[in-house]
PDB file of N, CA and C in Angstrom:
ATOM      1  N   MET A   1     -34.340   9.553 -45.287  1.00  0.00           N
ATOM      2  CA  MET A   1     -34.454   8.825 -44.054  1.00  0.00           C
ATOM      3  C   MET A   1     -33.522   9.323 -42.942  1.00  0.00           C
ATOM      4  N   PRO A   2     -32.714  10.365 -43.116  1.00  0.00           N
ATOM      5  CA  PRO A   2     -31.841  10.769 -42.027  1.00  0.00           C
ATOM      6  C   PRO A   2     -32.597  11.416 -40.870  1.00  0.00           C
ATOM      7  N   LEU A   3     -33.831  11.848 -41.069  1.00  0.00           N
ATOM      8  CA  LEU A   3     -34.579  12.513 -40.009  1.00  0.00           C
ATOM      9  C   LEU A   3     -34.835  11.619 -38.805  1.00  0.00           C
ATOM     10  N   PRO A   4     -35.240  10.361 -38.925  1.00  0.00           N
ATOM     11  CA  PRO A   4     -35.460   9.523 -37.745  1.00  0.00           C
ATOM     12  C   PRO A   4     -34.164   9.234 -36.970  1.00  0.00           C
ATOM     13  N   LEU A   5     -33.020   9.325 -37.615  1.00  0.00           N
ATOM     14  CA  LEU A   5     -31.758   9.078 -36.922  1.00  0.00           C
ATOM     15  C   LEU A   5     -31.329  10.257 -36.057  1.00  0.00           C
ATOM     16  N   ALA A   6     -31.789  11.462 -36.396  1.00  0.00           N
ATOM     17  CA  ALA A   6     -31.362  12.657 -35.670  1.00  0.00           C
ATOM     18  C   ALA A   6     -31.701  12.595 -34.178  1.00  0.00           C
ATOM     19  N   PRO A   7     -32.926  12.236 -33.763  1.00  0.00           N
ATOM     20  CA  PRO A   7     -33.212  12.178 -32.330  1.00  0.00           C
ATOM     21  C   PRO A   7     -32.368  11.129 -31.596  1.00  0.00           C
ATOM     22  N   ILE A   8     -32.086  10.032 -32.250  1.00  0.00           N
ATOM     23  CA  ILE A   8     -31.261   8.989 -31.633  1.00  0.00           C
ATOM     24  C   ILE A   8     -29.844   9.495 -31.431  1.00  0.00           C
ATOM     25  N   LEU A   9     -29.294  10.158 -32.441  1.00  0.00           N
ATOM     26  CA  LEU A   9     -27.942  10.698 -32.322  1.00  0.00           C
ATOM     27  C   LEU A   9     -27.860  11.790 -31.263  1.00  0.00           C
ATOM     28  N   VAL A  10     -28.889  12.606 -31.163  1.00  0.00           N
ATOM     29  CA  VAL A  10     -28.901  13.662 -30.143  1.00  0.00           C
ATOM     30  C   VAL A  10     -28.920  13.030 -28.754  1.00  0.00           C
ATOM     31  N   ARG A  11     -29.724  11.996 -28.561  1.00  0.00           N
ATOM     32  CA  ARG A  11     -29.793  11.319 -27.257  1.00  0.00           C
ATOM     33  C   ARG A  11     -28.459  10.668 -26.912  1.00  0.00           C
ATOM     34  N   LEU A  12     -27.830  10.034 -27.883  1.00  0.00           N
ATOM     35  CA  LEU A  12     -26.528   9.422 -27.634  1.00  0.00           C
ATOM     36  C   LEU A  12     -25.483  10.472 -27.273  1.00  0.00           C
ATOM     37  N   GLY A  13     -25.521  11.602 -27.959  1.00  0.00           N
ATOM     38  CA  GLY A  13     -24.588  12.688 -27.653  1.00  0.00           C
ATOM     39  C   GLY A  13     -24.799  13.254 -26.258  1.00  0.00           C
ATOM     40  N   VAL A  14     -26.052  13.424 -25.867  1.00  0.00           N
ATOM     41  CA  VAL A  14     -26.356  13.935 -24.525  1.00  0.00           C
ATOM     42  C   VAL A  14     -25.914  12.933 -23.469  1.00  0.00           C
ATOM     43  N   ALA A  15     -26.146  11.648 -23.711  1.00  0.00           N
ATOM     44  CA  ALA A  15     -25.725  10.622 -22.753  1.00  0.00           C
ATOM     45  C   ALA A  15     -24.205  10.579 -22.633  1.00  0.00           C
ATOM     46  N   ALA A  16     -23.501  10.700 -23.749  1.00  0.00           N
ATOM     47  CA  ALA A  16     -22.039  10.697 -23.710  1.00  0.00           C
ATOM     48  C   ALA A  16     -21.516  11.922 -22.972  1.00  0.00           C
ATOM     49  N   LEU A  17     -22.096  13.067 -23.214  1.00  0.00           N
ATOM     50  CA  LEU A  17     -21.684  14.293 -22.529  1.00  0.00           C
ATOM     51  C   LEU A  17     -21.957  14.202 -21.029  1.00  0.00           C
ATOM     52  N   ALA A  18     -23.094  13.635 -20.654  1.00  0.00           N
ATOM     53  CA  ALA A  18     -23.412  13.481 -19.229  1.00  0.00           C
ATOM     54  C   ALA A  18     -22.439  12.517 -18.555  1.00  0.00           C
ATOM     55  N   GLY A  19     -22.080  11.430 -19.227  1.00  0.00           N
ATOM     56  CA  GLY A  19     -21.103  10.495 -18.671  1.00  0.00           C
ATOM     57  C   GLY A  19     -19.733  11.117 -18.512  1.00  0.00           C
ATOM     58  N   TYR A  20     -19.320  11.888 -19.482  1.00  0.00           N
ATOM     59  CA  TYR A  20     -18.025  12.570 -19.409  1.00  0.00           C
ATOM     60  C   TYR A  20     -18.017  13.569 -18.254  1.00  0.00           C
ATOM     61  N   ALA A  21     -19.079  14.349 -18.118  1.00  0.00           N
ATOM     62  CA  ALA A  21     -19.154  15.339 -17.042  1.00  0.00           C
ATOM     63  C   ALA A  21     -19.175  14.654 -15.676  1.00  0.00           C
ATOM     64  N   ALA A  22     -19.902  13.558 -15.544  1.00  0.00           N
ATOM     65  CA  ALA A  22     -19.957  12.838 -14.267  1.00  0.00           C
ATOM     66  C   ALA A  22     -18.582  12.292 -13.896  1.00  0.00           C
ATOM     67  N   GLY A  23     -17.856  11.807 -14.869  1.00  0.00           N
ATOM     68  CA  GLY A  23     -16.503  11.309 -14.603  1.00  0.00           C
ATOM     69  C   GLY A  23     -15.569  12.409 -14.151  1.00  0.00           C
ATOM     70  N   ARG A  24     -15.654  13.566 -14.779  1.00  0.00           N
ATOM     71  CA  ARG A  24     -14.798  14.691 -14.383  1.00  0.00           C
ATOM     72  C   ARG A  24     -15.139  15.178 -12.976  1.00  0.00           C
ATOM     73  N   ILE A  25     -16.411  15.253 -12.665  1.00  0.00           N
ATOM     74  CA  ILE A  25     -16.832  15.728 -11.348  1.00  0.00           C
ATOM     75  C   ILE A  25     -16.431  14.730 -10.270  1.00  0.00           C
ATOM     76  N   SER A  26     -16.600  13.433 -10.514  1.00  0.00           N
ATOM     77  CA  SER A  26     -16.275  12.437  -9.496  1.00  0.00           C
ATOM     78  C   SER A  26     -14.772  12.390  -9.234  1.00  0.00           C
ATOM     79  N   ARG A  27     -13.949  12.613 -10.247  1.00  0.00           N
ATOM     80  CA  ARG A  27     -12.501  12.639 -10.027  1.00  0.00           C
ATOM     81  C   ARG A  27     -12.095  13.824  -9.167  1.00  0.00           C
ATOM     82  N   ARG A  28     -12.713  14.965  -9.393  1.00  0.00           N
ATOM     83  CA  ARG A  28     -12.403  16.139  -8.577  1.00  0.00           C
ATOM     84  C   ARG A  28     -12.878  15.945  -7.148  1.00  0.00           C
ATOM     85  N   ALA A  29     -14.072  15.361  -6.992  1.00  0.00           N
ATOM     86  CA  ALA A  29     -14.632  15.162  -5.658  1.00  0.00           C
ATOM     87  C   ALA A  29     -13.809  14.147  -4.867  1.00  0.00           C
ATOM     88  N   ALA A  30     -13.234  13.165  -5.548  1.00  0.00           N
ATOM     89  CA  ALA A  30     -12.445  12.142  -4.858  1.00  0.00           C
ATOM     90  C   ALA A  30     -11.069  12.661  -4.464  1.00  0.00           C
ATOM     91  N   GLY A  31     -10.658  13.787  -5.005  1.00  0.00           N
ATOM     92  CA  GLY A  31      -9.371  14.368  -4.650  1.00  0.00           C
ATOM     93  C   GLY A  31      -8.192  13.612  -5.237  1.00  0.00           C
ATOM     94  N   LEU A  32      -8.373  12.998  -6.389  1.00  0.00           N
ATOM     95  CA  LEU A  32      -7.283  12.271  -7.025  1.00  0.00           C
ATOM     96  C   LEU A  32      -6.215  13.240  -7.493  1.00  0.00           C
ATOM     97  N   HIS A  33      -4.977  12.845  -7.326  1.00  0.00           N
ATOM     98  CA  HIS A  33      -3.872  13.683  -7.759  1.00  0.00           C
ATOM     99  C   HIS A  33      -3.164  13.011  -8.928  1.00  0.00           C
ATOM    100  N   PRO A  34      -2.379  13.747  -9.691  1.00  0.00           N
ATOM    101  CA  PRO A  34      -1.765  13.178 -10.885  1.00  0.00           C
ATOM    102  C   PRO A  34      -0.686  12.147 -10.603  1.00  0.00           C
ATOM    103  N   GLY A  35      -0.249  12.012  -9.349  1.00  0.00           N
ATOM    104  CA  GLY A  35       0.763  11.016  -9.009  1.00  0.00           C
ATOM    105  C   GLY A  35       2.156  11.613  -9.006  1.00  0.00           C
ATOM    106  N   ARG A  36       3.139  10.735  -8.838  1.00  0.00           N
ATOM    107  CA  ARG A  36       4.519  11.193  -8.816  1.00  0.00           C
ATOM    108  C   ARG A  36       5.407  10.112  -9.397  1.00  0.00           C
ATOM    109  N   THR A  37       6.589  10.489  -9.808  1.00  0.00           N
ATOM    110  CA  THR A  37       7.575   9.555 -10.325  1.00  0.00           C
ATOM    111  C   THR A  37       8.749   9.534  -9.359  1.00  0.00           C
ATOM    112  N   ASP A  38       9.048   8.361  -8.835  1.00  0.00           N
ATOM    113  CA  ASP A  38      10.142   8.189  -7.884  1.00  0.00           C
ATOM    114  C   ASP A  38      11.277   7.454  -8.597  1.00  0.00           C
ATOM    115  N   GLN A  39      12.448   8.046  -8.637  1.00  0.00           N
ATOM    116  CA  GLN A  39      13.566   7.446  -9.361  1.00  0.00           C
ATOM    117  C   GLN A  39      13.967   6.103  -8.764  1.00  0.00           C
ATOM    118  N   ARG A  40      13.841   5.933  -7.437  1.00  0.00           N
ATOM    119  CA  ARG A  40      14.170   4.647  -6.818  1.00  0.00           C
ATOM    120  C   ARG A  40      13.234   3.553  -7.329  1.00  0.00           C
ATOM    121  N   ALA A  41      11.959   3.881  -7.481  1.00  0.00           N
ATOM    122  CA  ALA A  41      11.000   2.906  -8.006  1.00  0.00           C
ATOM    123  C   ALA A  41      11.294   2.603  -9.470  1.00  0.00           C
ATOM    124  N   GLU A  42      11.670   3.611 -10.240  1.00  0.00           N
ATOM    125  CA  GLU A  42      12.026   3.398 -11.644  1.00  0.00           C
ATOM    126  C   GLU A  42      13.225   2.460 -11.759  1.00  0.00           C
ATOM    127  N   ASP A  43      14.233   2.670 -10.914  1.00  0.00           N
ATOM    128  CA  ASP A  43      15.413   1.803 -10.935  1.00  0.00           C
ATOM    129  C   ASP A  43      15.055   0.375 -10.539  1.00  0.00           C
ATOM    130  N   ALA A  44      14.173   0.221  -9.538  1.00  0.00           N
ATOM    131  CA  ALA A  44      13.759  -1.119  -9.120  1.00  0.00           C
ATOM    132  C   ALA A  44      13.011  -1.826 -10.247  1.00  0.00           C
ATOM    133  N   LEU A  45      12.170  -1.118 -10.972  1.00  0.00           N
ATOM    134  CA  LEU A  45      11.450  -1.727 -12.095  1.00  0.00           C
ATOM    135  C   LEU A  45      12.408  -2.119 -13.216  1.00  0.00           C
ATOM    136  N   ASP A  46      13.457  -1.317 -13.446  1.00  0.00           N
ATOM    137  CA  ASP A  46      14.433  -1.638 -14.483  1.00  0.00           C
ATOM    138  C   ASP A  46      15.249  -2.882 -14.136  1.00  0.00           C
ATOM    139  N   GLU A  47      15.420  -3.157 -12.835  1.00  0.00           N
ATOM    140  CA  GLU A  47      16.234  -4.300 -12.411  1.00  0.00           C
ATOM    141  C   GLU A  47      15.446  -5.596 -12.286  1.00  0.00           C
ATOM    142  N   LEU A  48      14.142  -5.574 -12.526  1.00  0.00           N
ATOM    143  CA  LEU A  48      13.341  -6.789 -12.425  1.00  0.00           C
ATOM    144  C   LEU A  48      13.748  -7.800 -13.489  1.00  0.00           C
ATOM    145  N   ASP A  49      13.726  -9.082 -13.122  1.00  0.00           N
ATOM    146  CA  ASP A  49      13.917 -10.140 -14.109  1.00  0.00           C
ATOM    147  C   ASP A  49      12.595 -10.390 -14.814  1.00  0.00           C
ATOM    148  N   GLU A  50      12.682 -10.913 -16.036  1.00  0.00           N
ATOM    149  CA  GLU A  50      11.467 -11.179 -16.796  1.00  0.00           C
ATOM    150  C   GLU A  50      10.745 -12.383 -16.213  1.00  0.00           C
ATOM    151  N   GLY A  51       9.431 -12.303 -16.163  1.00  0.00           N
ATOM    152  CA  GLY A  51       8.609 -13.384 -15.630  1.00  0.00           C
ATOM    153  C   GLY A  51       7.829 -12.929 -14.412  1.00  0.00           C
ATOM    154  N   LEU A  52       7.233 -13.907 -13.721  1.00  0.00           N
ATOM    155  CA  LEU A  52       6.403 -13.651 -12.560  1.00  0.00           C
ATOM    156  C   LEU A  52       7.011 -14.347 -11.356  1.00  0.00           C
ATOM    157  N   SER A  53       7.092 -13.643 -10.226  1.00  0.00           N
ATOM    158  CA  SER A  53       7.639 -14.264  -9.023  1.00  0.00           C
ATOM    159  C   SER A  53       6.858 -13.811  -7.798  1.00  0.00           C
ATOM    160  N   PHE A  54       6.741 -14.723  -6.820  1.00  0.00           N
ATOM    161  CA  PHE A  54       6.111 -14.454  -5.531  1.00  0.00           C
ATOM    162  C   PHE A  54       7.093 -14.857  -4.450  1.00  0.00           C
ATOM    163  N   HIS A  55       7.155 -14.090  -3.376  1.00  0.00           N
ATOM    164  CA  HIS A  55       7.977 -14.497  -2.243  1.00  0.00           C
ATOM    165  C   HIS A  55       7.535 -13.777  -0.979  1.00  0.00           C
ATOM    166  N   SER A  56       7.926 -14.344   0.154  1.00  0.00           N
ATOM    167  CA  SER A  56       7.716 -13.736   1.465  1.00  0.00           C
ATOM    168  C   SER A  56       9.080 -13.550   2.098  1.00  0.00           C
ATOM    169  N   PRO A  57       9.432 -12.338   2.472  1.00  0.00           N
ATOM    170  CA  PRO A  57      10.740 -12.133   3.086  1.00  0.00           C
ATOM    171  C   PRO A  57      10.798 -12.799   4.458  1.00  0.00           C
ATOM    172  N   ALA A  58      11.774 -13.688   4.650  1.00  0.00           N
ATOM    173  CA  ALA A  58      11.895 -14.450   5.893  1.00  0.00           C
ATOM    174  C   ALA A  58      12.294 -13.559   7.055  1.00  0.00           C
ATOM    175  N   ASP A  59      13.150 -12.573   6.828  1.00  0.00           N
ATOM    176  CA  ASP A  59      13.598 -11.721   7.931  1.00  0.00           C
ATOM    177  C   ASP A  59      12.453 -10.887   8.503  1.00  0.00           C
ATOM    178  N   ARG A  60      11.516 -10.465   7.672  1.00  0.00           N
ATOM    179  CA  ARG A  60      10.370  -9.686   8.141  1.00  0.00           C
ATOM    180  C   ARG A  60       9.484 -10.553   9.038  1.00  0.00           C
ATOM    181  N   CYS A  61       9.286 -11.807   8.675  1.00  0.00           N
ATOM    182  CA  CYS A  61       8.397 -12.684   9.433  1.00  0.00           C
ATOM    183  C   CYS A  61       9.004 -13.047  10.793  1.00  0.00           C
ATOM    184  N   ARG A  62      10.321 -13.164  10.874  1.00  0.00           N
ATOM    185  CA  ARG A  62      10.947 -13.503  12.153  1.00  0.00           C
ATOM    186  C   ARG A  62      10.950 -12.333  13.120  1.00  0.00           C
ATOM    187  N   SER A  63      11.156 -11.126  12.616  1.00  0.00           N
ATOM    188  CA  SER A  63      11.249  -9.970  13.508  1.00  0.00           C
ATOM    189  C   SER A  63       9.881  -9.524  14.021  1.00  0.00           C
ATOM    190  N   GLU A  64       8.830  -9.694  13.235  1.00  0.00           N
ATOM    191  CA  GLU A  64       7.480  -9.310  13.639  1.00  0.00           C
ATOM    192  C   GLU A  64       6.546 -10.484  13.392  1.00  0.00           C
ATOM    193  N   PRO A  65       6.371 -11.369  14.366  1.00  0.00           N
ATOM    194  CA  PRO A  65       5.580 -12.577  14.125  1.00  0.00           C
ATOM    195  C   PRO A  65       4.110 -12.303  13.835  1.00  0.00           C
ATOM    196  N   GLU A  66       3.564 -11.159  14.258  1.00  0.00           N
ATOM    197  CA  GLU A  66       2.155 -10.877  13.995  1.00  0.00           C
ATOM    198  C   GLU A  66       1.942 -10.266  12.604  1.00  0.00           C
ATOM    199  N   THR A  67       3.016 -10.049  11.867  1.00  0.00           N
ATOM    200  CA  THR A  67       2.927  -9.456  10.536  1.00  0.00           C
ATOM    201  C   THR A  67       3.326 -10.480   9.481  1.00  0.00           C
ATOM    202  N   ARG A  68       2.497 -10.611   8.445  1.00  0.00           N
ATOM    203  CA  ARG A  68       2.813 -11.466   7.309  1.00  0.00           C
ATOM    204  C   ARG A  68       2.847 -10.598   6.071  1.00  0.00           C
ATOM    205  N   GLN A  69       3.870 -10.782   5.286  1.00  0.00           N
ATOM    206  CA  GLN A  69       4.036  -9.985   4.076  1.00  0.00           C
ATOM    207  C   GLN A  69       4.325 -10.908   2.908  1.00  0.00           C
ATOM    208  N   SER A  70       3.694 -10.625   1.788  1.00  0.00           N
ATOM    209  CA  SER A  70       3.951 -11.345   0.541  1.00  0.00           C
ATOM    210  C   SER A  70       4.227 -10.326  -0.549  1.00  0.00           C
ATOM    211  N   ASN A  71       5.215 -10.615  -1.359  1.00  0.00           N
ATOM    212  CA  ASN A  71       5.588  -9.718  -2.448  1.00  0.00           C
ATOM    213  C   ASN A  71       5.413 -10.438  -3.781  1.00  0.00           C
ATOM    214  N   ALA A  72       5.126  -9.656  -4.808  1.00  0.00           N
ATOM    215  CA  ALA A  72       5.003 -10.194  -6.157  1.00  0.00           C
ATOM    216  C   ALA A  72       5.698  -9.237  -7.119  1.00  0.00           C
ATOM    217  N   ALA A  73       6.300  -9.793  -8.136  1.00  0.00           N
ATOM    218  CA  ALA A  73       6.958  -8.981  -9.161  1.00  0.00           C
ATOM    219  C   ALA A  73       6.686  -9.612 -10.523  1.00  0.00           C
ATOM    220  N   PHE A  74       6.515  -8.759 -11.517  1.00  0.00           N
ATOM    221  CA  PHE A  74       6.215  -9.227 -12.872  1.00  0.00           C
ATOM    222  C   PHE A  74       6.896  -8.295 -13.865  1.00  0.00           C
ATOM    223  N   ARG A  75       7.480  -8.891 -14.895  1.00  0.00           N
ATOM    224  CA  ARG A  75       8.054  -8.084 -15.974  1.00  0.00           C
ATOM    225  C   ARG A  75       7.871  -8.802 -17.298  1.00  0.00           C
ATOM    226  N   LEU A  76       7.504  -8.038 -18.297  1.00  0.00           N
ATOM    227  CA  LEU A  76       7.302  -8.543 -19.651  1.00  0.00           C
ATOM    228  C   LEU A  76       8.030  -7.609 -20.605  1.00  0.00           C
ATOM    229  N   ARG A  77       8.918  -8.172 -21.403  1.00  0.00           N
ATOM    230  CA  ARG A  77       9.632  -7.392 -22.423  1.00  0.00           C
ATOM    231  C   ARG A  77       9.459  -8.108 -23.758  1.00  0.00           C
ATOM    232  N   ARG A  78       8.839  -7.446 -24.700  1.00  0.00           N
ATOM    233  CA  ARG A  78       8.593  -8.034 -26.011  1.00  0.00           C
ATOM    234  C   ARG A  78       8.714  -6.956 -27.088  1.00  0.00           C
ATOM    235  N   THR A  79       8.949  -7.403 -28.306  1.00  0.00           N
ATOM    236  CA  THR A  79       8.944  -6.531 -29.475  1.00  0.00           C
ATOM    237  C   THR A  79       7.868  -7.034 -30.420  1.00  0.00           C
ATOM    238  N   PHE A  80       6.974  -6.137 -30.811  1.00  0.00           N
ATOM    239  CA  PHE A  80       5.884  -6.472 -31.707  1.00  0.00           C
ATOM    240  C   PHE A  80       6.031  -5.698 -33.004  1.00  0.00           C
ATOM    241  N   GLY A  81       5.642  -6.322 -34.093  1.00  0.00           N
ATOM    242  CA  GLY A  81       5.605  -5.653 -35.378  1.00  0.00           C
ATOM    243  C   GLY A  81       4.171  -5.475 -35.816  1.00  0.00           C
ATOM    244  N   PHE A  82       3.844  -4.256 -36.286  1.00  0.00           N
ATOM    245  CA  PHE A  82       2.481  -3.975 -36.717  1.00  0.00           C
ATOM    246  C   PHE A  82       2.525  -2.931 -37.820  1.00  0.00           C
ATOM    247  N   ARG A  83       2.036  -3.318 -38.990  1.00  0.00           N
ATOM    248  CA  ARG A  83       1.971  -2.427 -40.153  1.00  0.00           C
ATOM    249  C   ARG A  83       3.328  -1.814 -40.486  1.00  0.00           C
ATOM    250  N   GLY A  84       4.358  -2.623 -40.443  1.00  0.00           N
ATOM    251  CA  GLY A  84       5.678  -2.162 -40.809  1.00  0.00           C
ATOM    252  C   GLY A  84       6.422  -1.396 -39.730  1.00  0.00           C
ATOM    253  N   ARG A  85       5.851  -1.261 -38.555  1.00  0.00           N
ATOM    254  CA  ARG A  85       6.510  -0.566 -37.446  1.00  0.00           C
ATOM    255  C   ARG A  85       6.859  -1.568 -36.355  1.00  0.00           C
ATOM    256  N   GLN A  86       7.903  -1.267 -35.629  1.00  0.00           N
ATOM    257  CA  GLN A  86       8.332  -2.095 -34.502  1.00  0.00           C
ATOM    258  C   GLN A  86       7.973  -1.379 -33.196  1.00  0.00           C
ATOM    259  N   TRP A  87       7.403  -2.124 -32.253  1.00  0.00           N
ATOM    260  CA  TRP A  87       7.027  -1.578 -30.952  1.00  0.00           C
ATOM    261  C   TRP A  87       7.691  -2.406 -29.868  1.00  0.00           C
ATOM    262  N   ASP A  88       8.436  -1.753 -28.986  1.00  0.00           N
ATOM    263  CA  ASP A  88       9.028  -2.411 -27.826  1.00  0.00           C
ATOM    264  C   ASP A  88       8.109  -2.194 -26.634  1.00  0.00           C
ATOM    265  N   VAL A  89       7.703  -3.290 -25.993  1.00  0.00           N
ATOM    266  CA  VAL A  89       6.846  -3.230 -24.813  1.00  0.00           C
ATOM    267  C   VAL A  89       7.669  -3.677 -23.617  1.00  0.00           C
ATOM    268  N   ASP A  90       7.717  -2.851 -22.599  1.00  0.00           N
ATOM    269  CA  ASP A  90       8.413  -3.172 -21.357  1.00  0.00           C
ATOM    270  C   ASP A  90       7.460  -2.844 -20.217  1.00  0.00           C
ATOM    271  N   ALA A  91       6.835  -3.879 -19.646  1.00  0.00           N
ATOM    272  CA  ALA A  91       5.860  -3.686 -18.575  1.00  0.00           C
ATOM    273  C   ALA A  91       6.406  -4.311 -17.303  1.00  0.00           C
ATOM    274  N   GLY A  92       6.362  -3.573 -16.225  1.00  0.00           N
ATOM    275  CA  GLY A  92       6.830  -4.076 -14.940  1.00  0.00           C
ATOM    276  C   GLY A  92       5.832  -3.754 -13.851  1.00  0.00           C
ATOM    277  N   LEU A  93       5.764  -4.641 -12.849  1.00  0.00           N
ATOM    278  CA  LEU A  93       4.825  -4.470 -11.754  1.00  0.00           C
ATOM    279  C   LEU A  93       5.448  -5.016 -10.485  1.00  0.00           C
ATOM    280  N   ILE A  94       5.389  -4.231  -9.431  1.00  0.00           N
ATOM    281  CA  ILE A  94       5.832  -4.680  -8.117  1.00  0.00           C
ATOM    282  C   ILE A  94       4.658  -4.467  -7.173  1.00  0.00           C
ATOM    283  N   ALA A  95       4.316  -5.497  -6.397  1.00  0.00           N
ATOM    284  CA  ALA A  95       3.179  -5.393  -5.483  1.00  0.00           C
ATOM    285  C   ALA A  95       3.551  -5.958  -4.118  1.00  0.00           C
ATOM    286  N   ARG A  96       2.903  -5.423  -3.098  1.00  0.00           N
ATOM    287  CA  ARG A  96       3.119  -5.912  -1.743  1.00  0.00           C
ATOM    288  C   ARG A  96       1.779  -6.022  -1.045  1.00  0.00           C
ATOM    289  N   LEU A  97       1.604  -7.113  -0.315  1.00  0.00           N
ATOM    290  CA  LEU A  97       0.427  -7.309   0.523  1.00  0.00           C
ATOM    291  C   LEU A  97       0.927  -7.591   1.929  1.00  0.00           C
ATOM    292  N   ARG A  98       0.545  -6.751   2.856  1.00  0.00           N
ATOM    293  CA  ARG A  98       0.991  -6.897   4.243  1.00  0.00           C
ATOM    294  C   ARG A  98      -0.237  -7.010   5.143  1.00  0.00           C
ATOM    295  N   LEU A  99      -0.265  -8.069   5.937  1.00  0.00           N
ATOM    296  CA  LEU A  99      -1.334  -8.285   6.900  1.00  0.00           C
ATOM    297  C   LEU A  99      -0.745  -8.215   8.297  1.00  0.00           C
ATOM    298  N   LYS A 100      -1.332  -7.403   9.142  1.00  0.00           N
ATOM    299  CA  LYS A 100      -0.830  -7.263  10.508  1.00  0.00           C
ATOM    300  C   LYS A 100      -1.978  -7.531  11.470  1.00  0.00           C
ATOM    301  N   GLN A 101      -1.746  -8.432  12.400  1.00  0.00           N
ATOM    302  CA  GLN A 101      -2.759  -8.784  13.370  1.00  0.00           C
ATOM    303  C   GLN A 101      -2.799  -7.732  14.465  1.00  0.00           C
ATOM    304  N   ARG A 102      -3.973  -7.220  14.754  1.00  0.00           N
ATOM    305  CA  ARG A 102      -4.138  -6.244  15.830  1.00  0.00           C
ATOM    306  C   ARG A 102      -4.797  -6.941  17.010  1.00  0.00           C
ATOM    307  N   LEU A 103      -4.153  -6.809  18.132  1.00  0.00           N
ATOM    308  CA  LEU A 103      -4.681  -7.425  19.349  1.00  0.00           C
ATOM    309  C   LEU A 103      -5.611  -6.440  20.061  1.00  0.00           C
ATOM    310  N   PRO A 104      -6.727  -6.918  20.606  1.00  0.00           N
ATOM    311  CA  PRO A 104      -7.675  -5.999  21.275  1.00  0.00           C
ATOM    312  C   PRO A 104      -7.142  -5.474  22.600  1.00  0.00           C
TER     313      PRO A 104
END
């Protein structure tokens, strides 16, 4: 009975190869770059407190009344055990949303 499975497996392989090729081509066409590591950002992530926080800097809002800025920070530090191994997870996130009103 392996003969009827062969055409299905070939079709799945062709579809997977086409999806992989499309992903590679679209990444090149979009001009994505590998990114960069900034030591100042690394230090800021290391100094985050654990948990989730939101705030708006008051000094920014007073100096530019047409600009509103909100910041968010998140950090999670945990140790997990799995199959006799220990894994330390340290996840940090800093985000900024800035809205600026443009006058016509």
